[in-house]
């Protein structure tokens, strides 16, 4: 809200602004920044089924997710 009112700036992931009604200008950072995300699990047997599907989805799409 402060950015919208011209009282500041913010560096946020693009996803944060999806589905919001904020009236702000988006500017890309140069150089482009990326972050690494890791998945840690105890063992496959203790994972909820949704987590198993999520990990499978990541493995299937890992090449398209890389910068």
PDB file of N, CA and C in Angstrom:
ATOM      1  N   UNK A   1       0.822  -1.182   0.000  1.00  0.00           N
ATOM      2  CA  UNK A   1       0.000   0.000   0.000  1.00  0.00           C
ATOM      3  C   UNK A   1       0.875   1.258   0.000  1.00  0.00           C
ATOM      4  N   UNK A   2       2.004   1.223   0.730  1.00  0.00           N
ATOM      5  CA  UNK A   2       2.888   2.390   0.756  1.00  0.00           C
ATOM      6  C   UNK A   2       3.500   2.646  -0.619  1.00  0.00           C
ATOM      7  N   UNK A   3       3.820   1.569  -1.342  1.00  0.00           N
ATOM      8  CA  UNK A   3       4.364   1.725  -2.691  1.00  0.00           C
ATOM      9  C   UNK A   3       3.306   2.370  -3.587  1.00  0.00           C
ATOM     10  N   UNK A   4       2.096   1.911  -3.475  1.00  0.00           N
ATOM     11  CA  UNK A   4       1.003   2.457  -4.278  1.00  0.00           C
ATOM     12  C   UNK A   4       0.817   3.947  -4.011  1.00  0.00           C
ATOM     13  N   UNK A   5       1.031   4.371  -2.781  1.00  0.00           N
ATOM     14  CA  UNK A   5       0.858   5.772  -2.412  1.00  0.00           C
ATOM     15  C   UNK A   5       2.102   6.616  -2.680  1.00  0.00           C
ATOM     16  N   UNK A   6       3.138   5.988  -3.271  1.00  0.00           N
ATOM     17  CA  UNK A   6       4.351   6.728  -3.610  1.00  0.00           C
ATOM     18  C   UNK A   6       5.268   6.975  -2.431  1.00  0.00           C
ATOM     19  N   UNK A   7       5.129   6.166  -1.376  1.00  0.00           N
ATOM     20  CA  UNK A   7       5.925   6.349  -0.158  1.00  0.00           C
ATOM     21  C   UNK A   7       7.073   5.351  -0.035  1.00  0.00           C
ATOM     22  N   UNK A   8       7.330   4.593  -1.078  1.00  0.00           N
ATOM     23  CA  UNK A   8       8.423   3.634  -0.979  1.00  0.00           C
ATOM     24  C   UNK A   8       8.516   2.759  -2.210  1.00  0.00           C
ATOM     25  N   UNK A   9       9.471   1.850  -2.159  1.00  0.00           N
ATOM     26  CA  UNK A   9       9.667   0.854  -3.203  1.00  0.00           C
ATOM     27  C   UNK A   9       9.761  -0.510  -2.545  1.00  0.00           C
ATOM     28  N   UNK A  10       9.599  -1.551  -3.338  1.00  0.00           N
ATOM     29  CA  UNK A  10       9.690  -2.901  -2.795  1.00  0.00           C
ATOM     30  C   UNK A  10      10.214  -3.840  -3.863  1.00  0.00           C
ATOM     31  N   UNK A  11      10.940  -4.833  -3.442  1.00  0.00           N
ATOM     32  CA  UNK A  11      11.393  -5.903  -4.337  1.00  0.00           C
ATOM     33  C   UNK A  11      10.653  -7.160  -3.906  1.00  0.00           C
ATOM     34  N   UNK A  12       9.794  -7.647  -4.792  1.00  0.00           N
ATOM     35  CA  UNK A  12       8.940  -8.791  -4.481  1.00  0.00           C
ATOM     36  C   UNK A  12       8.943  -9.776  -5.637  1.00  0.00           C
ATOM     37  N   UNK A  13       8.671 -11.048  -5.353  1.00  0.00           N
ATOM     38  CA  UNK A  13       8.455 -11.988  -6.452  1.00  0.00           C
ATOM     39  C   UNK A  13       7.185 -11.581  -7.213  1.00  0.00           C
ATOM     40  N   UNK A  14       7.184 -11.795  -8.508  1.00  0.00           N
ATOM     41  CA  UNK A  14       6.036 -11.422  -9.338  1.00  0.00           C
ATOM     42  C   UNK A  14       4.746 -12.070  -8.861  1.00  0.00           C
ATOM     43  N   UNK A  15       4.842 -13.297  -8.364  1.00  0.00           N
ATOM     44  CA  UNK A  15       3.649 -14.026  -7.925  1.00  0.00           C
ATOM     45  C   UNK A  15       2.903 -13.321  -6.802  1.00  0.00           C
ATOM     46  N   UNK A  16       3.608 -12.542  -5.990  1.00  0.00           N
ATOM     47  CA  UNK A  16       2.974 -11.862  -4.863  1.00  0.00           C
ATOM     48  C   UNK A  16       1.892 -10.900  -5.345  1.00  0.00           C
ATOM     49  N   UNK A  17       2.093 -10.304  -6.497  1.00  0.00           N
ATOM     50  CA  UNK A  17       1.156  -9.301  -6.994  1.00  0.00           C
ATOM     51  C   UNK A  17       0.015  -9.878  -7.824  1.00  0.00           C
ATOM     52  N   UNK A  18       0.085 -11.147  -8.162  1.00  0.00           N
ATOM     53  CA  UNK A  18      -0.996 -11.745  -8.942  1.00  0.00           C
ATOM     54  C   UNK A  18      -2.263 -11.793  -8.101  1.00  0.00           C
ATOM     55  N   UNK A  19      -3.359 -11.372  -8.688  1.00  0.00           N
ATOM     56  CA  UNK A  19      -4.633 -11.403  -7.995  1.00  0.00           C
ATOM     57  C   UNK A  19      -4.854 -10.237  -7.055  1.00  0.00           C
ATOM     58  N   UNK A  20      -3.996  -9.226  -7.092  1.00  0.00           N
ATOM     59  CA  UNK A  20      -4.189  -8.044  -6.252  1.00  0.00           C
ATOM     60  C   UNK A  20      -4.645  -6.879  -7.114  1.00  0.00           C
ATOM     61  N   UNK A  21      -5.161  -5.861  -6.480  1.00  0.00           N
ATOM     62  CA  UNK A  21      -5.645  -4.685  -7.203  1.00  0.00           C
ATOM     63  C   UNK A  21      -4.743  -3.475  -6.994  1.00  0.00           C
ATOM     64  N   UNK A  22      -3.509  -3.689  -6.570  1.00  0.00           N
ATOM     65  CA  UNK A  22      -2.602  -2.566  -6.347  1.00  0.00           C
ATOM     66  C   UNK A  22      -2.285  -1.863  -7.656  1.00  0.00           C
ATOM     67  N   UNK A  23      -2.250  -0.552  -7.609  1.00  0.00           N
ATOM     68  CA  UNK A  23      -1.918   0.264  -8.775  1.00  0.00           C
ATOM     69  C   UNK A  23      -0.460   0.673  -8.667  1.00  0.00           C
ATOM     70  N   UNK A  24       0.437  -0.207  -9.107  1.00  0.00           N
ATOM     71  CA  UNK A  24       1.878   0.040  -9.019  1.00  0.00           C
ATOM     72  C   UNK A  24       2.523  -0.251 -10.363  1.00  0.00           C
ATOM     73  N   UNK A  25       3.677   0.342 -10.596  1.00  0.00           N
ATOM     74  CA  UNK A  25       4.469   0.062 -11.793  1.00  0.00           C
ATOM     75  C   UNK A  25       5.449  -1.055 -11.481  1.00  0.00           C
ATOM     76  N   UNK A  26       5.520  -2.025 -12.366  1.00  0.00           N
ATOM     77  CA  UNK A  26       6.464  -3.126 -12.208  1.00  0.00           C
ATOM     78  C   UNK A  26       7.677  -2.850 -13.072  1.00  0.00           C
ATOM     79  N   UNK A  27       8.851  -2.969 -12.488  1.00  0.00           N
ATOM     80  CA  UNK A  27      10.111  -2.760 -13.197  1.00  0.00           C
ATOM     81  C   UNK A  27      10.985  -4.003 -13.016  1.00  0.00           C
ATOM     82  N   UNK A  28      11.521  -4.559 -14.100  1.00  0.00           N
ATOM     83  CA  UNK A  28      12.404  -5.719 -13.949  1.00  0.00           C
ATOM     84  C   UNK A  28      13.742  -5.305 -13.356  1.00  0.00           C
ATOM     85  N   UNK A  29      14.329  -6.204 -12.607  1.00  0.00           N
ATOM     86  CA  UNK A  29      15.660  -5.961 -12.053  1.00  0.00           C
ATOM     87  C   UNK A  29      16.709  -6.344 -13.085  1.00  0.00           C
ATOM     88  N   UNK A  30      17.779  -5.605 -13.121  1.00  0.00           N
ATOM     89  CA  UNK A  30      18.911  -5.914 -13.992  1.00  0.00           C
ATOM     90  C   UNK A  30      20.166  -5.958 -13.148  1.00  0.00           C
ATOM     91  N   UNK A  31      20.872  -7.030 -13.097  1.00  0.00           N
ATOM     92  CA  UNK A  31      20.619  -8.284 -13.800  1.00  0.00           C
ATOM     93  C   UNK A  31      19.443  -9.035 -13.170  1.00  0.00           C
ATOM     94  N   UNK A  32      18.851  -9.940 -13.952  1.00  0.00           N
ATOM     95  CA  UNK A  32      17.749 -10.747 -13.456  1.00  0.00           C
ATOM     96  C   UNK A  32      18.231 -11.585 -12.281  1.00  0.00           C
ATOM     97  N   UNK A  33      17.408 -11.661 -11.240  1.00  0.00           N
ATOM     98  CA  UNK A  33      17.752 -12.423 -10.042  1.00  0.00           C
ATOM     99  C   UNK A  33      16.933 -13.707  -9.973  1.00  0.00           C
ATOM    100  N   UNK A  34      17.547 -14.736  -9.455  1.00  0.00           N
ATOM    101  CA  UNK A  34      16.892 -16.026  -9.284  1.00  0.00           C
ATOM    102  C   UNK A  34      17.165 -16.524  -7.889  1.00  0.00           C
ATOM    103  N   UNK A  35      16.354 -17.476  -7.439  1.00  0.00           N
ATOM    104  CA  UNK A  35      16.600 -18.098  -6.144  1.00  0.00           C
ATOM    105  C   UNK A  35      16.504 -19.605  -6.283  1.00  0.00           C
ATOM    106  N   UNK A  36      17.244 -20.275  -5.451  1.00  0.00           N
ATOM    107  CA  UNK A  36      17.206 -21.731  -5.430  1.00  0.00           C
ATOM    108  C   UNK A  36      16.193 -22.167  -4.373  1.00  0.00           C
ATOM    109  N   UNK A  37      15.447 -23.197  -4.696  1.00  0.00           N
ATOM    110  CA  UNK A  37      14.472 -23.755  -3.772  1.00  0.00           C
ATOM    111  C   UNK A  37      14.812 -25.226  -3.601  1.00  0.00           C
ATOM    112  N   UNK A  38      14.847 -25.685  -2.379  1.00  0.00           N
ATOM    113  CA  UNK A  38      15.143 -27.082  -2.104  1.00  0.00           C
ATOM    114  C   UNK A  38      13.969 -27.782  -1.454  1.00  0.00           C
ATOM    115  N   UNK A  39      13.931 -29.074  -1.614  1.00  0.00           N
ATOM    116  CA  UNK A  39      12.904 -29.896  -0.974  1.00  0.00           C
ATOM    117  C   UNK A  39      13.607 -30.859  -0.043  1.00  0.00           C
ATOM    118  N   UNK A  40      13.200 -30.850   1.203  1.00  0.00           N
ATOM    119  CA  UNK A  40      13.760 -31.758   2.204  1.00  0.00           C
ATOM    120  C   UNK A  40      12.626 -32.631   2.725  1.00  0.00           C
ATOM    121  N   UNK A  41      12.874 -33.919   2.789  1.00  0.00           N
ATOM    122  CA  UNK A  41      11.852 -34.831   3.294  1.00  0.00           C
ATOM    123  C   UNK A  41      12.510 -35.882   4.166  1.00  0.00           C
ATOM    124  N   UNK A  42      11.764 -36.373   5.124  1.00  0.00           N
ATOM    125  CA  UNK A  42      12.285 -37.401   6.018  1.00  0.00           C
ATOM    126  C   UNK A  42      12.379 -38.731   5.268  1.00  0.00           C
ATOM    127  N   UNK A  43      11.257 -39.191   4.754  1.00  0.00           N
ATOM    128  CA  UNK A  43      11.223 -40.393   3.924  1.00  0.00           C
ATOM    129  C   UNK A  43       9.898 -40.398   3.156  1.00  0.00           C
ATOM    130  N   UNK A  44       9.848 -41.181   2.106  1.00  0.00           N
ATOM    131  CA  UNK A  44       8.656 -41.209   1.262  1.00  0.00           C
ATOM    132  C   UNK A  44       7.415 -41.696   1.999  1.00  0.00           C
ATOM    133  N   UNK A  45       7.572 -42.595   2.936  1.00  0.00           N
ATOM    134  CA  UNK A  45       6.420 -43.187   3.622  1.00  0.00           C
ATOM    135  C   UNK A  45       5.703 -42.202   4.535  1.00  0.00           C
ATOM    136  N   UNK A  46       6.396 -41.179   5.025  1.00  0.00           N
ATOM    137  CA  UNK A  46       5.761 -40.240   5.944  1.00  0.00           C
ATOM    138  C   UNK A  46       5.180 -39.012   5.245  1.00  0.00           C
ATOM    139  N   UNK A  47       5.346 -38.932   3.923  1.00  0.00           N
ATOM    140  CA  UNK A  47       4.846 -37.775   3.178  1.00  0.00           C
ATOM    141  C   UNK A  47       3.353 -37.897   2.887  1.00  0.00           C
ATOM    142  N   UNK A  48       2.610 -36.794   3.013  1.00  0.00           N
ATOM    143  CA  UNK A  48       1.215 -36.793   2.555  1.00  0.00           C
ATOM    144  C   UNK A  48       1.178 -36.985   1.039  1.00  0.00           C
ATOM    145  N   UNK A  49       0.088 -37.504   0.523  1.00  0.00           N
ATOM    146  CA  UNK A  49      -0.019 -37.783  -0.900  1.00  0.00           C
ATOM    147  C   UNK A  49       0.149 -36.516  -1.737  1.00  0.00           C
ATOM    148  N   UNK A  50      -0.354 -35.382  -1.247  1.00  0.00           N
ATOM    149  CA  UNK A  50      -0.211 -34.122  -1.988  1.00  0.00           C
ATOM    150  C   UNK A  50       1.260 -33.753  -2.135  1.00  0.00           C
ATOM    151  N   UNK A  51       2.051 -33.985  -1.105  1.00  0.00           N
ATOM    152  CA  UNK A  51       3.487 -33.692  -1.168  1.00  0.00           C
ATOM    153  C   UNK A  51       4.183 -34.602  -2.177  1.00  0.00           C
ATOM    154  N   UNK A  52       3.781 -35.859  -2.211  1.00  0.00           N
ATOM    155  CA  UNK A  52       4.358 -36.786  -3.185  1.00  0.00           C
ATOM    156  C   UNK A  52       4.066 -36.322  -4.608  1.00  0.00           C
ATOM    157  N   UNK A  53       2.815 -35.914  -4.859  1.00  0.00           N
ATOM    158  CA  UNK A  53       2.450 -35.419  -6.189  1.00  0.00           C
ATOM    159  C   UNK A  53       3.215 -34.146  -6.537  1.00  0.00           C
ATOM    160  N   UNK A  54       3.395 -33.272  -5.559  1.00  0.00           N
ATOM    161  CA  UNK A  54       4.129 -32.037  -5.798  1.00  0.00           C
ATOM    162  C   UNK A  54       5.581 -32.332  -6.180  1.00  0.00           C
ATOM    163  N   UNK A  55       6.230 -33.219  -5.458  1.00  0.00           N
ATOM    164  CA  UNK A  55       7.619 -33.584  -5.754  1.00  0.00           C
ATOM    165  C   UNK A  55       7.709 -34.230  -7.135  1.00  0.00           C
ATOM    166  N   UNK A  56       6.756 -35.096  -7.467  1.00  0.00           N
ATOM    167  CA  UNK A  56       6.740 -35.698  -8.809  1.00  0.00           C
ATOM    168  C   UNK A  56       6.591 -34.623  -9.883  1.00  0.00           C
ATOM    169  N   UNK A  57       5.717 -33.644  -9.645  1.00  0.00           N
ATOM    170  CA  UNK A  57       5.518 -32.556 -10.598  1.00  0.00           C
ATOM    171  C   UNK A  57       6.802 -31.765 -10.797  1.00  0.00           C
ATOM    172  N   UNK A  58       7.509 -31.476  -9.718  1.00  0.00           N
ATOM    173  CA  UNK A  58       8.781 -30.761  -9.811  1.00  0.00           C
ATOM    174  C   UNK A  58       9.781 -31.568 -10.643  1.00  0.00           C
ATOM    175  N   UNK A  59       9.896 -32.854 -10.357  1.00  0.00           N
ATOM    176  CA  UNK A  59      10.833 -33.696 -11.106  1.00  0.00           C
ATOM    177  C   UNK A  59      10.480 -33.744 -12.594  1.00  0.00           C
ATOM    178  N   UNK A  60       9.190 -33.807 -12.919  1.00  0.00           N
ATOM    179  CA  UNK A  60       8.768 -33.885 -14.323  1.00  0.00           C
ATOM    180  C   UNK A  60       9.031 -32.577 -15.070  1.00  0.00           C
ATOM    181  N   UNK A  61       9.042 -31.463 -14.353  1.00  0.00           N
ATOM    182  CA  UNK A  61       9.148 -30.154 -15.010  1.00  0.00           C
ATOM    183  C   UNK A  61      10.425 -29.400 -14.670  1.00  0.00           C
ATOM    184  N   UNK A  62      11.404 -30.076 -14.110  1.00  0.00           N
ATOM    185  CA  UNK A  62      12.603 -29.391 -13.619  1.00  0.00           C
ATOM    186  C   UNK A  62      13.323 -28.609 -14.719  1.00  0.00           C
ATOM    187  N   UNK A  63      13.363 -29.140 -15.925  1.00  0.00           N
ATOM    188  CA  UNK A  63      14.079 -28.449 -17.000  1.00  0.00           C
ATOM    189  C   UNK A  63      13.406 -27.166 -17.425  1.00  0.00           C
ATOM    190  N   UNK A  64      12.083 -27.121 -17.382  1.00  0.00           N
ATOM    191  CA  UNK A  64      11.376 -25.895 -17.752  1.00  0.00           C
ATOM    192  C   UNK A  64      11.398 -24.875 -16.617  1.00  0.00           C
ATOM    193  N   UNK A  65      11.720 -25.293 -15.406  1.00  0.00           N
ATOM    194  CA  UNK A  65      11.766 -24.379 -14.270  1.00  0.00           C
ATOM    195  C   UNK A  65      13.117 -23.718 -14.123  1.00  0.00           C
ATOM    196  N   UNK A  66      14.146 -24.280 -14.727  1.00  0.00           N
ATOM    197  CA  UNK A  66      15.489 -23.719 -14.628  1.00  0.00           C
ATOM    198  C   UNK A  66      15.582 -22.456 -15.469  1.00  0.00           C
ATOM    199  N   UNK A  67      16.353 -21.497 -14.970  1.00  0.00           N
ATOM    200  CA  UNK A  67      16.525 -20.230 -15.704  1.00  0.00           C
ATOM    201  C   UNK A  67      17.488 -20.412 -16.838  1.00  0.00           C
TER     202      UNK A  67
END
